[in-house]
């Protein structure tokens, strides 16, 4: 049973990746990824909501 489930989801993932390779990411996904990247860049520079709570060296 476990192998059947694993095979099903592996095949599903393969189809999804193939579709993404053919069509690219949807605009909404690209916007979400850009926002996520911006948030991580801000955090790395110490410009996020939690950075003021961290002790300074």
PDB file of N, CA and C in Angstrom:
ATOM      1  N   UNK A   1       0.830  -1.186   0.000  1.00  0.00           N
ATOM      2  CA  UNK A   1       0.000   0.000   0.000  1.00  0.00           C
ATOM      3  C   UNK A   1       0.881   1.259   0.000  1.00  0.00           C
ATOM      4  N   UNK A   2       1.912   1.255   0.844  1.00  0.00           N
ATOM      5  CA  UNK A   2       2.791   2.418   0.945  1.00  0.00           C
ATOM      6  C   UNK A   2       3.442   2.729  -0.411  1.00  0.00           C
ATOM      7  N   UNK A   3       3.868   1.691  -1.112  1.00  0.00           N
ATOM      8  CA  UNK A   3       4.494   1.884  -2.422  1.00  0.00           C
ATOM      9  C   UNK A   3       3.505   2.450  -3.439  1.00  0.00           C
ATOM     10  N   UNK A   4       2.258   2.033  -3.365  1.00  0.00           N
ATOM     11  CA  UNK A   4       1.231   2.569  -4.270  1.00  0.00           C
ATOM     12  C   UNK A   4       1.027   4.060  -4.027  1.00  0.00           C
ATOM     13  N   UNK A   5       0.965   4.446  -2.776  1.00  0.00           N
ATOM     14  CA  UNK A   5       0.777   5.864  -2.437  1.00  0.00           C
ATOM     15  C   UNK A   5       1.996   6.674  -2.875  1.00  0.00           C
ATOM     16  N   UNK A   6       3.189   6.154  -2.595  1.00  0.00           N
ATOM     17  CA  UNK A   6       4.413   6.836  -2.995  1.00  0.00           C
ATOM     18  C   UNK A   6       4.480   6.990  -4.513  1.00  0.00           C
ATOM     19  N   UNK A   7       4.144   5.950  -5.234  1.00  0.00           N
ATOM     20  CA  UNK A   7       4.171   5.996  -6.698  1.00  0.00           C
ATOM     21  C   UNK A   7       3.169   7.007  -7.241  1.00  0.00           C
ATOM     22  N   UNK A   8       1.987   7.033  -6.643  1.00  0.00           N
ATOM     23  CA  UNK A   8       0.957   7.973  -7.083  1.00  0.00           C
ATOM     24  C   UNK A   8       1.444   9.417  -6.932  1.00  0.00           C
ATOM     25  N   UNK A   9       1.969   9.748  -5.759  1.00  0.00           N
ATOM     26  CA  UNK A   9       2.400  11.118  -5.527  1.00  0.00           C
ATOM     27  C   UNK A   9       3.664  11.471  -6.299  1.00  0.00           C
ATOM     28  N   UNK A  10       4.547  10.520  -6.514  1.00  0.00           N
ATOM     29  CA  UNK A  10       5.735  10.769  -7.328  1.00  0.00           C
ATOM     30  C   UNK A  10       5.325  11.074  -8.771  1.00  0.00           C
ATOM     31  N   UNK A  11       4.386  10.311  -9.304  1.00  0.00           N
ATOM     32  CA  UNK A  11       3.898  10.556 -10.664  1.00  0.00           C
ATOM     33  C   UNK A  11       3.183  11.899 -10.746  1.00  0.00           C
ATOM     34  N   UNK A  12       2.415  12.222  -9.733  1.00  0.00           N
ATOM     35  CA  UNK A  12       1.715  13.502  -9.704  1.00  0.00           C
ATOM     36  C   UNK A  12       2.704  14.657  -9.683  1.00  0.00           C
ATOM     37  N   UNK A  13       3.745  14.544  -8.882  1.00  0.00           N
ATOM     38  CA  UNK A  13       4.773  15.575  -8.820  1.00  0.00           C
ATOM     39  C   UNK A  13       5.489  15.700 -10.160  1.00  0.00           C
ATOM     40  N   UNK A  14       5.795  14.577 -10.782  1.00  0.00           N
ATOM     41  CA  UNK A  14       6.452  14.612 -12.097  1.00  0.00           C
ATOM     42  C   UNK A  14       5.601  15.357 -13.119  1.00  0.00           C
ATOM     43  N   UNK A  15       4.297  15.089 -13.130  1.00  0.00           N
ATOM     44  CA  UNK A  15       3.400  15.785 -14.068  1.00  0.00           C
ATOM     45  C   UNK A  15       3.367  17.289 -13.767  1.00  0.00           C
ATOM     46  N   UNK A  16       3.323  17.641 -12.496  1.00  0.00           N
ATOM     47  CA  UNK A  16       3.281  19.044 -12.106  1.00  0.00           C
ATOM     48  C   UNK A  16       4.566  19.767 -12.525  1.00  0.00           C
ATOM     49  N   UNK A  17       5.710  19.153 -12.259  1.00  0.00           N
ATOM     50  CA  UNK A  17       6.995  19.759 -12.629  1.00  0.00           C
ATOM     51  C   UNK A  17       7.101  19.901 -14.144  1.00  0.00           C
ATOM     52  N   UNK A  18       6.647  18.895 -14.871  1.00  0.00           N
ATOM     53  CA  UNK A  18       6.665  18.976 -16.331  1.00  0.00           C
ATOM     54  C   UNK A  18       5.789  20.133 -16.820  1.00  0.00           C
ATOM     55  N   UNK A  19       4.641  20.283 -16.210  1.00  0.00           N
ATOM     56  CA  UNK A  19       3.741  21.396 -16.587  1.00  0.00           C
ATOM     57  C   UNK A  19       4.388  22.742 -16.272  1.00  0.00           C
ATOM     58  N   UNK A  20       5.019  22.859 -15.113  1.00  0.00           N
ATOM     59  CA  UNK A  20       5.706  24.104 -14.765  1.00  0.00           C
ATOM     60  C   UNK A  20       6.833  24.399 -15.742  1.00  0.00           C
ATOM     61  N   UNK A  21       7.554  23.370 -16.144  1.00  0.00           N
ATOM     62  CA  UNK A  21       8.631  23.562 -17.115  1.00  0.00           C
ATOM     63  C   UNK A  21       8.089  24.051 -18.450  1.00  0.00           C
ATOM     64  N   UNK A  22       6.902  23.585 -18.825  1.00  0.00           N
ATOM     65  CA  UNK A  22       6.304  23.979 -20.097  1.00  0.00           C
ATOM     66  C   UNK A  22       5.682  25.368 -20.044  1.00  0.00           C
ATOM     67  N   UNK A  23       5.053  25.703 -18.925  1.00  0.00           N
ATOM     68  CA  UNK A  23       4.267  26.942 -18.853  1.00  0.00           C
ATOM     69  C   UNK A  23       4.889  28.020 -17.983  1.00  0.00           C
ATOM     70  N   UNK A  24       5.802  27.663 -17.103  1.00  0.00           N
ATOM     71  CA  UNK A  24       6.349  28.626 -16.154  1.00  0.00           C
ATOM     72  C   UNK A  24       5.410  28.786 -14.969  1.00  0.00           C
ATOM     73  N   UNK A  25       5.876  29.537 -13.991  1.00  0.00           N
ATOM     74  CA  UNK A  25       5.058  29.768 -12.800  1.00  0.00           C
ATOM     75  C   UNK A  25       3.949  30.760 -13.104  1.00  0.00           C
ATOM     76  N   UNK A  26       2.782  30.586 -12.488  1.00  0.00           N
ATOM     77  CA  UNK A  26       1.715  31.586 -12.635  1.00  0.00           C
ATOM     78  C   UNK A  26       2.156  32.915 -12.021  1.00  0.00           C
ATOM     79  N   UNK A  27       1.619  34.020 -12.533  1.00  0.00           N
ATOM     80  CA  UNK A  27       1.981  35.351 -12.034  1.00  0.00           C
ATOM     81  C   UNK A  27       1.771  35.470 -10.529  1.00  0.00           C
ATOM     82  N   UNK A  28       0.692  34.893 -10.012  1.00  0.00           N
ATOM     83  CA  UNK A  28       0.430  34.972  -8.570  1.00  0.00           C
ATOM     84  C   UNK A  28       1.544  34.304  -7.781  1.00  0.00           C
ATOM     85  N   UNK A  29       2.044  33.187  -8.278  1.00  0.00           N
ATOM     86  CA  UNK A  29       3.130  32.492  -7.586  1.00  0.00           C
ATOM     87  C   UNK A  29       4.405  33.311  -7.626  1.00  0.00           C
ATOM     88  N   UNK A  30       4.665  33.930  -8.775  1.00  0.00           N
ATOM     89  CA  UNK A  30       5.859  34.771  -8.875  1.00  0.00           C
ATOM     90  C   UNK A  30       5.774  35.950  -7.919  1.00  0.00           C
ATOM     91  N   UNK A  31       4.609  36.566  -7.804  1.00  0.00           N
ATOM     92  CA  UNK A  31       4.438  37.681  -6.870  1.00  0.00           C
ATOM     93  C   UNK A  31       4.669  37.222  -5.432  1.00  0.00           C
ATOM     94  N   UNK A  32       4.130  36.063  -5.084  1.00  0.00           N
ATOM     95  CA  UNK A  32       4.317  35.543  -3.721  1.00  0.00           C
ATOM     96  C   UNK A  32       5.784  35.249  -3.450  1.00  0.00           C
ATOM     97  N   UNK A  33       6.476  34.682  -4.435  1.00  0.00           N
ATOM     98  CA  UNK A  33       7.906  34.402  -4.258  1.00  0.00           C
ATOM     99  C   UNK A  33       8.708  35.689  -4.108  1.00  0.00           C
ATOM    100  N   UNK A  34       8.354  36.710  -4.863  1.00  0.00           N
ATOM    101  CA  UNK A  34       9.054  38.002  -4.746  1.00  0.00           C
ATOM    102  C   UNK A  34       8.838  38.612  -3.367  1.00  0.00           C
ATOM    103  N   UNK A  35       7.622  38.534  -2.848  1.00  0.00           N
ATOM    104  CA  UNK A  35       7.342  39.065  -1.516  1.00  0.00           C
ATOM    105  C   UNK A  35       8.110  38.288  -0.451  1.00  0.00           C
ATOM    106  N   UNK A  36       8.160  36.975  -0.601  1.00  0.00           N
ATOM    107  CA  UNK A  36       8.897  36.141   0.349  1.00  0.00           C
ATOM    108  C   UNK A  36      10.383  36.477   0.321  1.00  0.00           C
ATOM    109  N   UNK A  37      10.930  36.633  -0.861  1.00  0.00           N
ATOM    110  CA  UNK A  37      12.343  36.982  -0.993  1.00  0.00           C
ATOM    111  C   UNK A  37      12.623  38.344  -0.369  1.00  0.00           C
ATOM    112  N   UNK A  38      11.752  39.312  -0.605  1.00  0.00           N
ATOM    113  CA  UNK A  38      11.933  40.642  -0.023  1.00  0.00           C
ATOM    114  C   UNK A  38      11.902  40.577   1.507  1.00  0.00           C
ATOM    115  N   UNK A  39      11.012  39.771   2.053  1.00  0.00           N
ATOM    116  CA  UNK A  39      10.928  39.639   3.511  1.00  0.00           C
ATOM    117  C   UNK A  39      12.213  39.034   4.066  1.00  0.00           C
ATOM    118  N   UNK A  40      12.749  38.035   3.386  1.00  0.00           N
ATOM    119  CA  UNK A  40      13.996  37.416   3.852  1.00  0.00           C
ATOM    120  C   UNK A  40      15.184  38.372   3.715  1.00  0.00           C
ATOM    121  N   UNK A  41      15.196  39.144   2.651  1.00  0.00           N
ATOM    122  CA  UNK A  41      16.276  40.118   2.488  1.00  0.00           C
ATOM    123  C   UNK A  41      16.214  41.176   3.580  1.00  0.00           C
ATOM    124  N   UNK A  42      15.007  41.642   3.896  1.00  0.00           N
ATOM    125  CA  UNK A  42      14.852  42.624   4.966  1.00  0.00           C
ATOM    126  C   UNK A  42      15.304  42.043   6.305  1.00  0.00           C
ATOM    127  N   UNK A  43      14.934  40.796   6.559  1.00  0.00           N
ATOM    128  CA  UNK A  43      15.309  40.165   7.825  1.00  0.00           C
ATOM    129  C   UNK A  43      16.826  39.999   7.909  1.00  0.00           C
ATOM    130  N   UNK A  44      17.450  39.645   6.805  1.00  0.00           N
ATOM    131  CA  UNK A  44      18.903  39.461   6.799  1.00  0.00           C
ATOM    132  C   UNK A  44      19.626  40.771   7.094  1.00  0.00           C
ATOM    133  N   UNK A  45      18.992  41.883   6.718  1.00  0.00           N
ATOM    134  CA  UNK A  45      19.581  43.200   6.960  1.00  0.00           C
ATOM    135  C   UNK A  45      19.150  43.785   8.299  1.00  0.00           C
ATOM    136  N   UNK A  46      18.318  43.037   9.050  1.00  0.00           N
ATOM    137  CA  UNK A  46      17.872  43.496  10.357  1.00  0.00           C
ATOM    138  C   UNK A  46      16.695  44.447  10.311  1.00  0.00           C
ATOM    139  N   UNK A  47      15.919  44.411   9.216  1.00  0.00           N
ATOM    140  CA  UNK A  47      14.774  45.306   9.069  1.00  0.00           C
ATOM    141  C   UNK A  47      13.463  44.536   9.093  1.00  0.00           C
ATOM    142  N   UNK A  48      13.276  43.717  10.100  1.00  0.00           N
ATOM    143  CA  UNK A  48      12.013  43.005  10.217  1.00  0.00           C
ATOM    144  C   UNK A  48      11.429  43.256  11.594  1.00  0.00           C
ATOM    145  N   UNK A  49      10.227  42.743  11.823  1.00  0.00           N
ATOM    146  CA  UNK A  49       9.518  43.003  13.070  1.00  0.00           C
ATOM    147  C   UNK A  49      10.208  42.382  14.291  1.00  0.00           C
ATOM    148  N   UNK A  50      10.945  41.309  14.078  1.00  0.00           N
ATOM    149  CA  UNK A  50      11.564  40.618  15.218  1.00  0.00           C
ATOM    150  C   UNK A  50      12.993  41.052  15.485  1.00  0.00           C
ATOM    151  N   UNK A  51      13.615  41.745  14.548  1.00  0.00           N
ATOM    152  CA  UNK A  51      15.023  42.064  14.719  1.00  0.00           C
ATOM    153  C   UNK A  51      15.284  42.952  15.930  1.00  0.00           C
ATOM    154  N   UNK A  52      14.325  43.787  16.295  1.00  0.00           N
ATOM    155  CA  UNK A  52      14.521  44.644  17.460  1.00  0.00           C
ATOM    156  C   UNK A  52      14.485  43.850  18.770  1.00  0.00           C
ATOM    157  N   UNK A  53      13.991  42.627  18.723  1.00  0.00           N
ATOM    158  CA  UNK A  53      13.906  41.796  19.916  1.00  0.00           C
ATOM    159  C   UNK A  53      15.181  40.987  20.144  1.00  0.00           C
ATOM    160  N   UNK A  54      16.027  40.892  19.135  1.00  0.00           N
ATOM    161  CA  UNK A  54      17.245  40.103  19.254  1.00  0.00           C
ATOM    162  C   UNK A  54      18.333  40.916  19.928  1.00  0.00           C
ATOM    163  N   UNK A  55      19.158  40.235  20.744  1.00  0.00           N
ATOM    164  CA  UNK A  55      20.258  40.947  21.398  1.00  0.00           C
ATOM    165  C   UNK A  55      21.287  41.382  20.363  1.00  0.00           C
ATOM    166  N   UNK A  56      21.833  42.528  20.550  1.00  0.00           N
ATOM    167  CA  UNK A  56      22.878  43.057  19.661  1.00  0.00           C
ATOM    168  C   UNK A  56      24.247  42.618  20.166  1.00  0.00           C
ATOM    169  N   UNK A  57      25.155  42.260  19.237  1.00  0.00           N
ATOM    170  CA  UNK A  57      26.504  41.829  19.668  1.00  0.00           C
ATOM    171  C   UNK A  57      27.299  42.973  20.253  1.00  0.00           C
TER     172      UNK A  57
END
